[in-house]
Amino acid sequence: MPQKWDELWKNSDKIKRWSIPDYHFTDYIMEVENNFNQLKALDMGCGIGRHSEYLAKKGFIVTAVDPSLTAINYLQQKSIDENFPVQIFQGDLTWLKSVEDNSFDLVVSWNVIYHNTLSELEDALKEFYRILVTGGKLLLTLNSTNNIHYGKGIEIERNTFINQKKLDGEHPHHYSDKDEVDRLLRNFKVLCLSEDEEEVGGKLFKDRWHWYIFAQK
């Protein structure tokens, strides 16, 4: 999987598009706290760091993790060039096992954990809950069963598909309906939940429906 993402992050057009923070994300962040200084944030699956950069410039103490070496090298260089602090690690969701309980005030995982089977997705959410402080916030996206890509490719389990025609199609994509989202988030207090079409870099991707989640431990 990292090799595919390494290919993506070598494309200047993709980098430009994926450098702009998601508007759902920025709206939610403004509801977290008035003073972000010294709050610890984890950006799990950070990519080239559009949200890590935003958080660091707001005053968060940011840890950014991604499996793509190309992506984290890009973020490392940008953090030096633009002088914003961020601690960067190469790793996938198994990296979470190394984190102590109650370590972060905020966990962000944008367009990440649905690239798994349902059980792996559930494990990630358990880890997010564990590493958040009491009252800590979670910003998360999940694929919706209304997404245009739902049902395409080989179904390896219920609502989970491998679609080799997609750039990231070598690994599973899990899609959730509202009932499943509610069940997955049952240990969290859901502050905001919306189902919207995806927008990346100001471009709307029609019928690419996602769940946008703002929750609290």
N, C-alpha and C. Protein backbone atom coordinates (compact mmCIF):
# COMPACT_ATOMS: atom_id res chain seq x y z
N MET A 1 0.80 -1.22 0.00
CA MET A 1 0.00 0.00 0.00
C MET A 1 0.84 1.28 0.00
N PRO A 2 1.91 1.39 0.83
CA PRO A 2 2.70 2.62 0.80
C PRO A 2 3.22 2.98 -0.58
N GLN A 3 3.54 1.93 -1.41
CA GLN A 3 4.07 2.22 -2.74
C GLN A 3 3.06 2.98 -3.60
N LYS A 4 1.79 2.59 -3.50
CA LYS A 4 0.75 3.28 -4.26
C LYS A 4 0.63 4.73 -3.81
N TRP A 5 0.66 4.94 -2.50
CA TRP A 5 0.55 6.31 -1.99
C TRP A 5 1.81 7.11 -2.33
N ASP A 6 2.96 6.44 -2.35
CA ASP A 6 4.18 7.14 -2.76
C ASP A 6 4.05 7.66 -4.18
N GLU A 7 3.42 6.86 -5.05
CA GLU A 7 3.18 7.31 -6.43
C GLU A 7 2.27 8.53 -6.45
N LEU A 8 1.22 8.49 -5.64
CA LEU A 8 0.27 9.60 -5.58
C LEU A 8 0.97 10.89 -5.16
N TRP A 9 1.79 10.80 -4.11
CA TRP A 9 2.39 12.01 -3.55
C TRP A 9 3.58 12.52 -4.34
N LYS A 10 3.91 11.87 -5.44
CA LYS A 10 4.91 12.41 -6.36
C LYS A 10 4.26 13.22 -7.48
N ASN A 11 2.94 13.28 -7.48
CA ASN A 11 2.17 14.01 -8.49
C ASN A 11 1.88 15.42 -7.98
N SER A 12 2.42 16.44 -8.65
CA SER A 12 2.29 17.82 -8.16
C SER A 12 0.85 18.29 -8.14
N ASP A 13 0.04 17.85 -9.09
CA ASP A 13 -1.38 18.23 -9.09
C ASP A 13 -2.10 17.64 -7.88
N LYS A 14 -1.80 16.39 -7.54
CA LYS A 14 -2.40 15.76 -6.38
C LYS A 14 -1.97 16.47 -5.10
N ILE A 15 -0.70 16.82 -5.03
CA ILE A 15 -0.20 17.52 -3.85
C ILE A 15 -0.92 18.85 -3.67
N LYS A 16 -1.09 19.59 -4.76
CA LYS A 16 -1.77 20.87 -4.67
C LYS A 16 -3.20 20.70 -4.18
N ARG A 17 -3.89 19.70 -4.71
CA ARG A 17 -5.29 19.48 -4.33
C ARG A 17 -5.42 19.06 -2.88
N TRP A 18 -4.51 18.17 -2.45
CA TRP A 18 -4.61 17.61 -1.11
C TRP A 18 -3.86 18.43 -0.07
N SER A 19 -3.46 19.64 -0.42
CA SER A 19 -2.81 20.54 0.54
C SER A 19 -3.82 21.42 1.27
N ILE A 20 -5.05 21.45 0.80
CA ILE A 20 -6.08 22.32 1.38
C ILE A 20 -6.87 21.56 2.43
N PRO A 21 -6.94 22.06 3.66
CA PRO A 21 -7.71 21.36 4.70
C PRO A 21 -9.18 21.24 4.32
N ASP A 22 -9.79 20.13 4.70
CA ASP A 22 -11.21 19.90 4.46
C ASP A 22 -12.03 20.89 5.29
N TYR A 23 -13.07 21.47 4.69
CA TYR A 23 -13.85 22.49 5.40
C TYR A 23 -14.62 21.91 6.57
N HIS A 24 -15.01 20.63 6.50
CA HIS A 24 -15.63 20.00 7.67
C HIS A 24 -14.64 20.00 8.84
N PHE A 25 -13.40 19.67 8.52
CA PHE A 25 -12.35 19.61 9.54
C PHE A 25 -12.14 20.97 10.20
N THR A 26 -11.99 22.01 9.39
CA THR A 26 -11.73 23.33 9.96
C THR A 26 -12.92 23.84 10.76
N ASP A 27 -14.12 23.54 10.30
CA ASP A 27 -15.32 23.95 11.06
C ASP A 27 -15.35 23.26 12.42
N TYR A 28 -15.03 21.98 12.44
CA TYR A 28 -15.05 21.23 13.70
C TYR A 28 -13.97 21.73 14.65
N ILE A 29 -12.78 22.02 14.11
CA ILE A 29 -11.67 22.46 14.96
C ILE A 29 -12.04 23.72 15.73
N MET A 30 -12.75 24.63 15.09
CA MET A 30 -13.11 25.87 15.76
C MET A 30 -14.07 25.64 16.92
N GLU A 31 -14.66 24.44 16.99
CA GLU A 31 -15.54 24.10 18.10
C GLU A 31 -14.82 23.38 19.23
N VAL A 32 -13.58 22.99 19.00
CA VAL A 32 -12.85 22.21 20.01
C VAL A 32 -12.53 23.04 21.23
N GLU A 33 -11.97 24.23 21.02
CA GLU A 33 -11.48 25.03 22.13
C GLU A 33 -11.13 26.41 21.60
N ASN A 34 -11.16 27.39 22.47
CA ASN A 34 -10.74 28.73 22.06
C ASN A 34 -9.23 28.87 22.06
N ASN A 35 -8.57 28.15 22.97
CA ASN A 35 -7.12 28.23 23.09
C ASN A 35 -6.54 26.85 22.79
N PHE A 36 -5.82 26.74 21.68
CA PHE A 36 -5.30 25.45 21.25
C PHE A 36 -3.90 25.16 21.79
N ASN A 37 -3.25 26.16 22.40
CA ASN A 37 -1.87 26.00 22.83
C ASN A 37 -1.73 24.86 23.82
N GLN A 38 -0.74 24.02 23.54
CA GLN A 38 -0.36 22.89 24.39
C GLN A 38 -1.34 21.73 24.34
N LEU A 39 -2.39 21.80 23.53
CA LEU A 39 -3.24 20.64 23.32
C LEU A 39 -2.51 19.66 22.39
N LYS A 40 -2.54 18.39 22.74
CA LYS A 40 -1.82 17.38 21.97
C LYS A 40 -2.75 16.74 20.95
N ALA A 41 -2.33 16.75 19.69
CA ALA A 41 -3.15 16.23 18.60
C ALA A 41 -2.39 15.15 17.83
N LEU A 42 -3.11 14.11 17.46
CA LEU A 42 -2.57 13.06 16.59
C LEU A 42 -3.30 13.11 15.26
N ASP A 43 -2.53 13.21 14.17
CA ASP A 43 -3.08 13.12 12.82
C ASP A 43 -2.68 11.75 12.27
N MET A 44 -3.61 10.80 12.39
CA MET A 44 -3.32 9.41 12.03
C MET A 44 -3.67 9.18 10.56
N GLY A 45 -2.65 8.87 9.75
CA GLY A 45 -2.84 8.79 8.31
C GLY A 45 -2.80 10.18 7.71
N CYS A 46 -1.77 10.92 8.05
CA CYS A 46 -1.70 12.37 7.77
C CYS A 46 -1.51 12.70 6.30
N GLY A 47 -1.05 11.72 5.48
CA GLY A 47 -0.73 12.06 4.09
C GLY A 47 0.38 13.10 4.06
N ILE A 48 0.24 14.10 3.20
CA ILE A 48 1.26 15.15 3.11
C ILE A 48 1.08 16.21 4.18
N GLY A 49 0.09 16.03 5.06
CA GLY A 49 0.04 16.85 6.26
C GLY A 49 -0.81 18.10 6.21
N ARG A 50 -1.83 18.13 5.36
CA ARG A 50 -2.65 19.35 5.27
C ARG A 50 -3.30 19.68 6.62
N HIS A 51 -3.73 18.67 7.36
CA HIS A 51 -4.37 18.92 8.65
C HIS A 51 -3.35 19.05 9.77
N SER A 52 -2.23 18.35 9.67
CA SER A 52 -1.15 18.51 10.64
C SER A 52 -0.63 19.94 10.64
N GLU A 53 -0.42 20.46 9.44
CA GLU A 53 0.05 21.85 9.31
C GLU A 53 -0.95 22.82 9.90
N TYR A 54 -2.22 22.64 9.59
CA TYR A 54 -3.27 23.53 10.11
C TYR A 54 -3.27 23.51 11.63
N LEU A 55 -3.20 22.33 12.21
CA LEU A 55 -3.23 22.20 13.67
C LEU A 55 -2.00 22.83 14.31
N ALA A 56 -0.82 22.56 13.74
CA ALA A 56 0.42 23.11 14.30
C ALA A 56 0.41 24.63 14.29
N LYS A 57 -0.10 25.21 13.21
CA LYS A 57 -0.15 26.67 13.11
C LYS A 57 -1.20 27.28 14.03
N LYS A 58 -2.13 26.46 14.51
CA LYS A 58 -3.12 26.91 15.49
C LYS A 58 -2.60 26.79 16.92
N GLY A 59 -1.46 26.13 17.10
CA GLY A 59 -0.88 26.01 18.42
C GLY A 59 -0.92 24.63 19.04
N PHE A 60 -1.50 23.66 18.34
CA PHE A 60 -1.49 22.29 18.84
C PHE A 60 -0.07 21.71 18.83
N ILE A 61 0.20 20.80 19.75
CA ILE A 61 1.40 19.98 19.71
C ILE A 61 1.05 18.75 18.87
N VAL A 62 1.60 18.65 17.68
CA VAL A 62 1.11 17.70 16.68
C VAL A 62 2.05 16.52 16.49
N THR A 63 1.45 15.34 16.49
CA THR A 63 2.13 14.12 16.06
C THR A 63 1.45 13.65 14.78
N ALA A 64 2.23 13.43 13.74
CA ALA A 64 1.69 13.03 12.43
C ALA A 64 2.26 11.68 12.04
N VAL A 65 1.38 10.78 11.58
CA VAL A 65 1.79 9.42 11.25
C VAL A 65 1.21 9.02 9.90
N ASP A 66 2.05 8.43 9.04
CA ASP A 66 1.58 7.95 7.74
C ASP A 66 2.51 6.85 7.24
N PRO A 67 1.98 5.86 6.52
CA PRO A 67 2.84 4.79 6.00
C PRO A 67 3.71 5.20 4.82
N SER A 68 3.35 6.29 4.13
CA SER A 68 4.07 6.69 2.92
C SER A 68 5.30 7.52 3.27
N LEU A 69 6.48 7.01 2.91
CA LEU A 69 7.71 7.73 3.16
C LEU A 69 7.76 9.02 2.35
N THR A 70 7.26 8.99 1.13
CA THR A 70 7.22 10.20 0.30
C THR A 70 6.39 11.28 0.97
N ALA A 71 5.26 10.90 1.54
CA ALA A 71 4.37 11.87 2.18
C ALA A 71 5.01 12.48 3.41
N ILE A 72 5.58 11.65 4.27
CA ILE A 72 6.13 12.21 5.51
C ILE A 72 7.40 13.01 5.25
N ASN A 73 8.17 12.64 4.21
CA ASN A 73 9.33 13.45 3.84
C ASN A 73 8.88 14.82 3.34
N TYR A 74 7.79 14.85 2.58
CA TYR A 74 7.23 16.12 2.10
C TYR A 74 6.82 16.98 3.28
N LEU A 75 6.11 16.39 4.23
CA LEU A 75 5.66 17.14 5.41
C LEU A 75 6.84 17.63 6.23
N GLN A 76 7.85 16.77 6.39
CA GLN A 76 9.03 17.16 7.16
C GLN A 76 9.70 18.38 6.55
N GLN A 77 9.88 18.37 5.23
CA GLN A 77 10.53 19.50 4.57
C GLN A 77 9.67 20.75 4.65
N LYS A 78 8.36 20.61 4.49
CA LYS A 78 7.48 21.77 4.55
C LYS A 78 7.47 22.37 5.95
N SER A 79 7.51 21.52 6.97
CA SER A 79 7.52 22.03 8.34
C SER A 79 8.79 22.83 8.62
N ILE A 80 9.89 22.43 7.99
CA ILE A 80 11.14 23.18 8.13
C ILE A 80 11.05 24.50 7.36
N ASP A 81 10.59 24.42 6.11
CA ASP A 81 10.52 25.61 5.26
C ASP A 81 9.58 26.67 5.83
N GLU A 82 8.46 26.23 6.41
CA GLU A 82 7.45 27.18 6.89
C GLU A 82 7.45 27.33 8.40
N ASN A 83 8.40 26.66 9.05
CA ASN A 83 8.65 26.84 10.48
C ASN A 83 7.41 26.55 11.34
N PHE A 84 6.83 25.38 11.15
CA PHE A 84 5.79 24.93 12.09
C PHE A 84 6.22 23.58 12.66
N PRO A 85 6.10 23.40 13.96
CA PRO A 85 6.61 22.17 14.59
C PRO A 85 5.64 21.01 14.46
N VAL A 86 6.16 19.85 14.13
CA VAL A 86 5.35 18.64 14.07
C VAL A 86 6.28 17.44 14.25
N GLN A 87 5.86 16.49 15.06
CA GLN A 87 6.62 15.27 15.26
C GLN A 87 6.07 14.23 14.29
N ILE A 88 6.94 13.64 13.48
CA ILE A 88 6.50 12.81 12.35
C ILE A 88 7.03 11.39 12.49
N PHE A 89 6.14 10.42 12.22
CA PHE A 89 6.52 9.01 12.24
C PHE A 89 5.99 8.33 10.99
N GLN A 90 6.76 7.36 10.49
CA GLN A 90 6.25 6.49 9.44
C GLN A 90 5.61 5.29 10.11
N GLY A 91 4.34 5.03 9.78
CA GLY A 91 3.65 3.90 10.38
C GLY A 91 2.22 3.80 9.91
N ASP A 92 1.63 2.63 10.13
CA ASP A 92 0.21 2.43 9.82
C ASP A 92 -0.57 2.37 11.13
N LEU A 93 -1.79 1.84 11.10
CA LEU A 93 -2.62 1.84 12.30
C LEU A 93 -2.03 1.00 13.43
N THR A 94 -1.15 0.06 13.12
CA THR A 94 -0.53 -0.72 14.19
C THR A 94 0.38 0.15 15.06
N TRP A 95 0.78 1.31 14.55
CA TRP A 95 1.60 2.25 15.34
C TRP A 95 0.88 2.66 16.61
N LEU A 96 -0.44 2.67 16.58
CA LEU A 96 -1.22 3.09 17.75
C LEU A 96 -0.93 2.24 18.98
N LYS A 97 -0.54 0.99 18.77
CA LYS A 97 -0.26 0.09 19.90
C LYS A 97 0.88 0.61 20.76
N SER A 98 1.73 1.45 20.20
CA SER A 98 2.89 1.97 20.95
C SER A 98 2.54 3.18 21.80
N VAL A 99 1.32 3.68 21.69
CA VAL A 99 0.91 4.91 22.38
C VAL A 99 0.31 4.58 23.74
N GLU A 100 0.68 5.35 24.75
CA GLU A 100 0.13 5.14 26.09
C GLU A 100 -1.31 5.63 26.16
N ASP A 101 -2.05 5.10 27.12
CA ASP A 101 -3.42 5.54 27.36
C ASP A 101 -3.46 7.04 27.63
N ASN A 102 -4.55 7.69 27.24
CA ASN A 102 -4.81 9.09 27.60
C ASN A 102 -3.69 10.04 27.16
N SER A 103 -3.20 9.85 25.95
CA SER A 103 -2.05 10.63 25.47
C SER A 103 -2.42 11.87 24.68
N PHE A 104 -3.63 11.91 24.08
CA PHE A 104 -3.96 13.00 23.16
C PHE A 104 -5.29 13.66 23.51
N ASP A 105 -5.31 14.98 23.28
CA ASP A 105 -6.54 15.75 23.44
C ASP A 105 -7.41 15.68 22.19
N LEU A 106 -6.77 15.39 21.06
CA LEU A 106 -7.47 15.34 19.78
C LEU A 106 -6.86 14.25 18.91
N VAL A 107 -7.71 13.45 18.31
CA VAL A 107 -7.28 12.48 17.29
C VAL A 107 -8.02 12.79 16.00
N VAL A 108 -7.26 12.93 14.93
CA VAL A 108 -7.80 13.16 13.59
C VAL A 108 -7.45 11.96 12.72
N SER A 109 -8.42 11.43 12.02
CA SER A 109 -8.15 10.35 11.06
C SER A 109 -9.08 10.54 9.88
N TRP A 110 -8.57 11.23 8.87
CA TRP A 110 -9.38 11.71 7.75
C TRP A 110 -9.14 10.86 6.53
N ASN A 111 -10.17 10.17 6.05
CA ASN A 111 -10.05 9.30 4.87
C ASN A 111 -9.03 8.20 5.09
N VAL A 112 -9.09 7.56 6.25
CA VAL A 112 -8.06 6.59 6.61
C VAL A 112 -8.63 5.23 7.01
N ILE A 113 -9.36 5.16 8.11
CA ILE A 113 -9.59 3.85 8.72
C ILE A 113 -10.57 2.98 7.94
N TYR A 114 -11.29 3.57 6.99
CA TYR A 114 -12.18 2.71 6.19
C TYR A 114 -11.41 1.93 5.13
N HIS A 115 -10.11 2.15 5.01
CA HIS A 115 -9.27 1.34 4.13
C HIS A 115 -8.89 0.04 4.84
N ASN A 116 -9.89 -0.63 5.38
CA ASN A 116 -9.67 -1.83 6.18
C ASN A 116 -10.91 -2.70 6.17
N THR A 117 -10.78 -3.89 6.74
CA THR A 117 -11.96 -4.69 7.02
C THR A 117 -12.69 -4.09 8.21
N LEU A 118 -13.90 -4.55 8.45
CA LEU A 118 -14.69 -4.01 9.56
C LEU A 118 -14.00 -4.25 10.90
N SER A 119 -13.45 -5.43 11.10
CA SER A 119 -12.81 -5.72 12.39
C SER A 119 -11.59 -4.83 12.62
N GLU A 120 -10.83 -4.55 11.56
CA GLU A 120 -9.67 -3.66 11.69
C GLU A 120 -10.12 -2.23 11.96
N LEU A 121 -11.21 -1.83 11.35
CA LEU A 121 -11.78 -0.50 11.59
C LEU A 121 -12.22 -0.38 13.05
N GLU A 122 -12.87 -1.42 13.54
CA GLU A 122 -13.31 -1.43 14.95
C GLU A 122 -12.12 -1.36 15.89
N ASP A 123 -11.06 -2.08 15.57
CA ASP A 123 -9.85 -2.05 16.40
C ASP A 123 -9.26 -0.65 16.45
N ALA A 124 -9.25 0.04 15.31
CA ALA A 124 -8.72 1.40 15.27
C ALA A 124 -9.52 2.33 16.17
N LEU A 125 -10.83 2.21 16.13
CA LEU A 125 -11.68 3.06 16.97
C LEU A 125 -11.46 2.77 18.45
N LYS A 126 -11.24 1.52 18.80
CA LYS A 126 -10.92 1.18 20.20
C LYS A 126 -9.62 1.83 20.62
N GLU A 127 -8.64 1.83 19.73
CA GLU A 127 -7.36 2.46 20.03
C GLU A 127 -7.51 3.97 20.16
N PHE A 128 -8.27 4.58 19.28
CA PHE A 128 -8.51 6.03 19.39
C PHE A 128 -9.13 6.37 20.74
N TYR A 129 -10.10 5.57 21.15
CA TYR A 129 -10.75 5.82 22.44
C TYR A 129 -9.74 5.68 23.58
N ARG A 130 -8.90 4.68 23.50
CA ARG A 130 -7.92 4.42 24.56
C ARG A 130 -6.92 5.55 24.71
N ILE A 131 -6.44 6.07 23.58
CA ILE A 131 -5.36 7.07 23.65
C ILE A 131 -5.87 8.49 23.87
N LEU A 132 -7.17 8.71 23.76
CA LEU A 132 -7.73 10.03 24.04
C LEU A 132 -7.87 10.24 25.54
N VAL A 133 -7.64 11.47 25.98
CA VAL A 133 -7.94 11.83 27.36
C VAL A 133 -9.46 11.88 27.53
N THR A 134 -9.92 11.80 28.75
CA THR A 134 -11.35 11.96 29.01
C THR A 134 -11.78 13.35 28.55
N GLY A 135 -12.80 13.41 27.74
CA GLY A 135 -13.23 14.68 27.16
C GLY A 135 -12.53 15.02 25.86
N GLY A 136 -11.55 14.19 25.45
CA GLY A 136 -10.83 14.43 24.20
C GLY A 136 -11.74 14.26 23.00
N LYS A 137 -11.35 14.87 21.89
CA LYS A 137 -12.18 14.91 20.68
C LYS A 137 -11.63 14.00 19.58
N LEU A 138 -12.54 13.49 18.78
CA LEU A 138 -12.21 12.66 17.62
C LEU A 138 -12.82 13.28 16.38
N LEU A 139 -11.99 13.50 15.36
CA LEU A 139 -12.45 13.96 14.05
C LEU A 139 -12.16 12.84 13.06
N LEU A 140 -13.21 12.38 12.37
CA LEU A 140 -13.11 11.13 11.64
C LEU A 140 -14.00 11.16 10.41
N THR A 141 -13.58 10.44 9.38
CA THR A 141 -14.46 10.18 8.23
C THR A 141 -14.59 8.68 8.02
N LEU A 142 -15.77 8.30 7.53
CA LEU A 142 -16.04 6.92 7.12
C LEU A 142 -16.70 6.94 5.75
N ASN A 143 -16.51 5.90 4.98
CA ASN A 143 -17.23 5.76 3.72
C ASN A 143 -18.69 5.46 3.98
N SER A 144 -19.56 6.05 3.17
CA SER A 144 -20.99 5.77 3.26
C SER A 144 -21.39 4.72 2.23
N THR A 145 -22.40 3.93 2.55
CA THR A 145 -22.93 2.96 1.59
C THR A 145 -23.61 3.66 0.41
N ASN A 146 -23.81 4.98 0.51
CA ASN A 146 -24.34 5.76 -0.62
C ASN A 146 -23.23 6.24 -1.56
N ASN A 147 -21.98 5.96 -1.22
CA ASN A 147 -20.84 6.34 -2.05
C ASN A 147 -20.93 5.64 -3.40
N ILE A 148 -20.59 6.36 -4.46
CA ILE A 148 -20.69 5.84 -5.82
C ILE A 148 -19.83 4.59 -6.03
N HIS A 149 -18.79 4.42 -5.21
CA HIS A 149 -17.90 3.26 -5.37
C HIS A 149 -18.40 2.03 -4.60
N TYR A 150 -19.45 2.21 -3.81
CA TYR A 150 -19.98 1.07 -3.06
C TYR A 150 -20.45 -0.03 -4.01
N GLY A 151 -20.06 -1.25 -3.71
CA GLY A 151 -20.49 -2.40 -4.51
C GLY A 151 -19.59 -2.72 -5.68
N LYS A 152 -18.56 -1.89 -5.93
CA LYS A 152 -17.67 -2.13 -7.06
C LYS A 152 -16.46 -2.95 -6.61
N GLY A 153 -16.03 -3.86 -7.46
CA GLY A 153 -14.90 -4.71 -7.14
C GLY A 153 -15.35 -6.02 -6.52
N ILE A 154 -14.44 -6.65 -5.81
CA ILE A 154 -14.70 -7.94 -5.18
C ILE A 154 -15.11 -7.72 -3.73
N GLU A 155 -16.26 -8.26 -3.35
CA GLU A 155 -16.72 -8.13 -1.96
C GLU A 155 -16.06 -9.22 -1.12
N ILE A 156 -15.19 -8.82 -0.20
CA ILE A 156 -14.45 -9.80 0.60
C ILE A 156 -15.15 -10.09 1.93
N GLU A 157 -16.04 -9.23 2.33
CA GLU A 157 -16.94 -9.43 3.46
C GLU A 157 -18.07 -8.43 3.27
N ARG A 158 -19.08 -8.49 4.11
CA ARG A 158 -20.22 -7.61 3.94
C ARG A 158 -19.78 -6.14 3.95
N ASN A 159 -20.13 -5.42 2.86
CA ASN A 159 -19.86 -3.98 2.72
C ASN A 159 -18.38 -3.63 2.65
N THR A 160 -17.54 -4.60 2.34
CA THR A 160 -16.10 -4.36 2.19
C THR A 160 -15.65 -4.90 0.84
N PHE A 161 -15.01 -4.02 0.05
CA PHE A 161 -14.67 -4.36 -1.33
C PHE A 161 -13.21 -4.05 -1.63
N ILE A 162 -12.64 -4.85 -2.52
CA ILE A 162 -11.34 -4.55 -3.12
C ILE A 162 -11.59 -4.26 -4.59
N ASN A 163 -11.23 -3.04 -5.01
CA ASN A 163 -11.48 -2.60 -6.38
C ASN A 163 -10.15 -2.22 -7.02
N GLN A 164 -9.59 -3.12 -7.80
CA GLN A 164 -8.27 -2.92 -8.38
C GLN A 164 -8.21 -1.74 -9.35
N LYS A 165 -9.35 -1.23 -9.77
CA LYS A 165 -9.36 -0.11 -10.70
C LYS A 165 -9.08 1.22 -10.01
N LYS A 166 -9.19 1.24 -8.67
CA LYS A 166 -8.90 2.45 -7.93
C LYS A 166 -7.40 2.54 -7.64
N LEU A 167 -6.91 3.77 -7.48
CA LEU A 167 -5.50 3.97 -7.18
C LEU A 167 -5.10 3.20 -5.92
N ASP A 168 -5.98 3.25 -4.92
CA ASP A 168 -5.70 2.59 -3.66
C ASP A 168 -6.48 1.28 -3.55
N GLY A 169 -6.77 0.67 -4.69
CA GLY A 169 -7.66 -0.47 -4.74
C GLY A 169 -7.06 -1.79 -4.30
N GLU A 170 -5.78 -1.81 -3.96
CA GLU A 170 -5.16 -3.06 -3.55
C GLU A 170 -5.55 -3.45 -2.13
N HIS A 171 -6.14 -2.53 -1.39
CA HIS A 171 -6.54 -2.84 -0.03
C HIS A 171 -8.03 -2.59 0.14
N PRO A 172 -8.63 -3.12 1.19
CA PRO A 172 -10.09 -3.06 1.32
C PRO A 172 -10.62 -1.65 1.52
N HIS A 173 -11.85 -1.46 1.08
CA HIS A 173 -12.63 -0.26 1.39
C HIS A 173 -13.93 -0.71 2.05
N HIS A 174 -14.13 -0.26 3.27
CA HIS A 174 -15.36 -0.62 3.98
C HIS A 174 -16.33 0.55 3.93
N TYR A 175 -17.60 0.24 3.76
CA TYR A 175 -18.66 1.24 3.65
C TYR A 175 -19.68 1.01 4.77
N SER A 176 -20.12 2.10 5.40
CA SER A 176 -21.00 2.01 6.57
C SER A 176 -22.31 2.73 6.32
N ASP A 177 -23.41 2.12 6.81
CA ASP A 177 -24.69 2.83 6.82
C ASP A 177 -24.86 3.50 8.18
N LYS A 178 -25.96 4.23 8.35
CA LYS A 178 -26.15 5.01 9.58
C LYS A 178 -26.20 4.11 10.81
N ASP A 179 -26.86 2.99 10.72
CA ASP A 179 -26.95 2.09 11.87
C ASP A 179 -25.57 1.61 12.30
N GLU A 180 -24.73 1.29 11.32
CA GLU A 180 -23.38 0.83 11.66
C GLU A 180 -22.55 1.96 12.25
N VAL A 181 -22.66 3.16 11.71
CA VAL A 181 -21.93 4.30 12.26
C VAL A 181 -22.30 4.49 13.73
N ASP A 182 -23.59 4.44 14.01
CA ASP A 182 -24.04 4.59 15.40
C ASP A 182 -23.44 3.51 16.29
N ARG A 183 -23.39 2.29 15.78
CA ARG A 183 -22.83 1.20 16.58
C ARG A 183 -21.33 1.37 16.78
N LEU A 184 -20.62 1.76 15.74
CA LEU A 184 -19.17 1.95 15.83
C LEU A 184 -18.80 3.04 16.84
N LEU A 185 -19.65 4.04 16.95
CA LEU A 185 -19.36 5.19 17.81
C LEU A 185 -20.06 5.10 19.16
N ARG A 186 -20.52 3.93 19.52
CA ARG A 186 -21.36 3.79 20.72
C ARG A 186 -20.63 4.18 22.00
N ASN A 187 -19.30 4.09 22.03
CA ASN A 187 -18.55 4.46 23.23
C ASN A 187 -18.23 5.95 23.29
N PHE A 188 -18.47 6.65 22.20
CA PHE A 188 -18.22 8.09 22.13
C PHE A 188 -19.52 8.87 22.27
N LYS A 189 -19.39 10.12 22.64
CA LYS A 189 -20.51 11.06 22.56
C LYS A 189 -20.40 11.76 21.21
N VAL A 190 -21.36 11.55 20.34
CA VAL A 190 -21.31 12.15 19.01
C VAL A 190 -21.80 13.59 19.09
N LEU A 191 -20.92 14.52 18.75
CA LEU A 191 -21.25 15.95 18.80
C LEU A 191 -21.84 16.43 17.48
N CYS A 192 -21.37 15.83 16.38
CA CYS A 192 -21.89 16.20 15.06
C CYS A 192 -21.65 15.03 14.10
N LEU A 193 -22.68 14.70 13.34
CA LEU A 193 -22.58 13.64 12.34
C LEU A 193 -23.32 14.09 11.09
N SER A 194 -22.61 14.12 9.96
CA SER A 194 -23.26 14.51 8.71
C SER A 194 -22.80 13.57 7.59
N GLU A 195 -23.66 13.41 6.61
CA GLU A 195 -23.35 12.62 5.43
C GLU A 195 -23.32 13.57 4.24
N ASP A 196 -22.12 13.77 3.68
CA ASP A 196 -21.95 14.75 2.61
C ASP A 196 -21.10 14.16 1.49
N GLU A 197 -21.23 14.77 0.31
CA GLU A 197 -20.35 14.43 -0.80
C GLU A 197 -18.96 15.01 -0.52
N GLU A 198 -17.95 14.28 -0.95
CA GLU A 198 -16.58 14.66 -0.66
C GLU A 198 -16.14 15.87 -1.49
N GLU A 199 -15.42 16.76 -0.84
CA GLU A 199 -14.81 17.90 -1.53
C GLU A 199 -13.32 17.90 -1.22
N VAL A 200 -12.51 17.96 -2.25
CA VAL A 200 -11.05 17.96 -2.08
C VAL A 200 -10.48 19.13 -2.86
N GLY A 201 -9.75 19.99 -2.16
CA GLY A 201 -9.12 21.12 -2.83
C GLY A 201 -10.09 22.03 -3.53
N GLY A 202 -11.30 22.16 -2.97
CA GLY A 202 -12.31 23.02 -3.56
C GLY A 202 -13.11 22.38 -4.67
N LYS A 203 -12.81 21.13 -5.00
CA LYS A 203 -13.53 20.42 -6.05
C LYS A 203 -14.50 19.42 -5.43
N LEU A 204 -15.77 19.48 -5.82
CA LEU A 204 -16.78 18.56 -5.32
C LEU A 204 -16.77 17.28 -6.14
N PHE A 205 -16.67 16.14 -5.45
CA PHE A 205 -16.73 14.84 -6.11
C PHE A 205 -18.13 14.29 -5.91
N LYS A 206 -18.96 14.50 -6.91
CA LYS A 206 -20.38 14.16 -6.82
C LYS A 206 -20.56 12.66 -6.56
N ASP A 207 -21.44 12.38 -5.61
CA ASP A 207 -21.83 11.02 -5.24
C ASP A 207 -20.75 10.25 -4.49
N ARG A 208 -19.66 10.92 -4.11
CA ARG A 208 -18.66 10.25 -3.26
C ARG A 208 -19.00 10.57 -1.81
N TRP A 209 -20.05 9.93 -1.32
CA TRP A 209 -20.59 10.25 -0.01
C TRP A 209 -19.73 9.67 1.12
N HIS A 210 -19.51 10.52 2.12
CA HIS A 210 -18.77 10.13 3.32
C HIS A 210 -19.55 10.54 4.56
N TRP A 211 -19.25 9.87 5.66
CA TRP A 211 -19.71 10.31 6.97
C TRP A 211 -18.64 11.20 7.59
N TYR A 212 -19.04 12.37 8.07
CA TYR A 212 -18.14 13.31 8.74
C TYR A 212 -18.52 13.35 10.21
N ILE A 213 -17.56 13.04 11.06
CA ILE A 213 -17.85 12.74 12.46
C ILE A 213 -17.02 13.62 13.39
N PHE A 214 -17.68 14.21 14.37
CA PHE A 214 -17.05 14.97 15.44
C PHE A 214 -17.57 14.36 16.73
N ALA A 215 -16.69 13.72 17.50
CA ALA A 215 -17.14 12.98 18.68
C ALA A 215 -16.21 13.25 19.86
N GLN A 216 -16.66 12.84 21.02
CA GLN A 216 -15.93 13.11 22.26
C GLN A 216 -15.87 11.84 23.11
N LYS A 217 -14.73 11.63 23.75
CA LYS A 217 -14.59 10.51 24.69
C LYS A 217 -15.29 10.85 26.00
